[in-house]
Amino acid sequence: MPVFSGTIGQFTGLKDKNGKDIYEGDILKDNKGQFGKVFYSCEEARFLVNWLFKDGSYTSDACFGYGEVVGNIYENTELLEGEKDE
């Protein structure tokens, strides 16, 4: 019988700057205090981070190594307040 591990998103196969596993739906924080959510891009067939900048703009890239997992979109939605619709 499968055991529930407590994670909801798909494992990306990547780790954050502290060596913690990164899952789809995780929220990362960079060294400038900006937040980003991890998602899977069907168009690019890979995991990306949708970085939300303090001015309200955002960009998507594949830079995970400088981010730190600080929560996820299911339990910490307040971290992404002001996020624009994708």
Protein backbone atom coordinates (compact mmCIF):
# COMPACT_ATOMS: atom_id res chain seq x y z
CA MET A 1 0.00 0.00 0.00
CA PRO A 2 1.42 3.45 -0.92
CA VAL A 3 2.35 5.75 1.93
CA PHE A 4 1.41 9.44 1.71
CA SER A 5 4.58 11.50 2.05
CA GLY A 6 2.85 14.82 2.79
CA THR A 7 3.71 16.39 -0.56
CA ILE A 8 1.20 17.46 -3.16
CA GLY A 9 3.27 18.55 -6.16
CA GLN A 10 5.51 16.56 -8.47
CA PHE A 11 9.18 16.35 -7.45
CA THR A 12 11.26 18.43 -9.89
CA GLY A 13 14.47 16.49 -9.37
CA LEU A 14 16.10 19.77 -8.26
CA LYS A 15 17.26 21.20 -4.95
CA ASP A 16 17.26 24.74 -3.57
CA LYS A 17 20.36 26.62 -2.37
CA ASN A 18 20.18 24.74 0.95
CA GLY A 19 19.90 21.30 -0.63
CA LYS A 20 16.14 20.95 0.06
CA ASP A 21 14.06 19.10 -2.57
CA ILE A 22 11.93 21.35 -4.79
CA TYR A 23 8.39 20.31 -5.73
CA GLU A 24 5.86 21.75 -8.16
CA GLY A 25 3.85 24.34 -6.24
CA ASP A 26 6.70 25.30 -3.91
CA ILE A 27 7.37 28.97 -3.26
CA LEU A 28 10.99 30.08 -3.49
CA LYS A 29 12.57 33.25 -2.11
CA ASP A 30 15.71 34.70 -3.69
CA ASN A 31 18.46 36.69 -2.01
CA LYS A 32 16.69 39.97 -2.96
CA GLY A 33 13.52 39.00 -1.08
CA GLN A 34 11.51 38.25 -4.22
CA PHE A 35 9.20 35.25 -4.33
CA GLY A 36 8.50 32.77 -7.10
CA LYS A 37 6.31 29.73 -7.55
CA VAL A 38 7.47 26.51 -9.17
CA PHE A 39 5.35 25.19 -12.03
CA TYR A 40 5.60 22.78 -14.93
CA SER A 41 5.59 24.37 -18.39
CA CYS A 42 4.01 22.07 -20.98
CA GLU A 43 5.29 24.37 -23.73
CA GLU A 44 8.90 23.99 -22.62
CA ALA A 45 8.50 20.50 -21.11
CA ARG A 46 10.34 21.46 -17.93
CA PHE A 47 9.90 23.01 -14.51
CA LEU A 48 10.22 26.80 -14.23
CA VAL A 49 9.96 29.47 -11.53
CA ASN A 50 7.51 32.32 -12.02
CA TRP A 51 9.37 35.12 -10.14
CA LEU A 52 7.21 37.96 -8.81
CA PHE A 53 9.13 41.21 -8.50
CA LYS A 54 8.42 43.86 -5.90
CA ASP A 55 7.13 46.25 -8.59
CA GLY A 56 4.40 43.74 -9.52
CA SER A 57 6.04 42.48 -12.71
CA TYR A 58 7.12 38.88 -13.15
CA THR A 59 9.27 36.65 -15.29
CA SER A 60 9.70 32.90 -15.67
CA ASP A 61 13.05 31.15 -15.75
CA ALA A 62 14.71 27.90 -14.82
CA CYS A 63 16.99 29.32 -12.11
CA PHE A 64 16.34 27.29 -8.98
CA GLY A 65 19.78 27.15 -7.36
CA TYR A 66 19.74 30.62 -5.87
CA GLY A 67 16.24 30.30 -4.39
CA GLU A 68 15.24 28.90 -1.01
CA VAL A 69 12.00 26.93 -0.45
CA VAL A 70 9.91 28.98 2.00
CA GLY A 71 6.49 27.39 1.56
CA ASN A 72 4.02 26.23 -1.06
CA ILE A 73 1.01 27.58 -2.93
CA TYR A 74 -1.39 25.42 -0.94
CA GLU A 75 -0.45 26.54 2.57
CA ASN A 76 1.30 29.91 2.09
CA THR A 77 -0.69 31.89 -0.49
CA GLU A 78 0.03 35.14 1.38
CA LEU A 79 3.63 34.96 0.13
CA LEU A 80 2.40 35.60 -3.40
CA GLU A 81 -0.03 38.44 -2.65
CA GLY A 82 -0.30 40.81 -5.56
CA GLU A 83 0.61 38.14 -8.09
CA LYS A 84 -0.67 38.87 -11.58
CA ASP A 85 -2.72 36.32 -13.50
CA GLU A 86 -0.59 34.17 -15.78
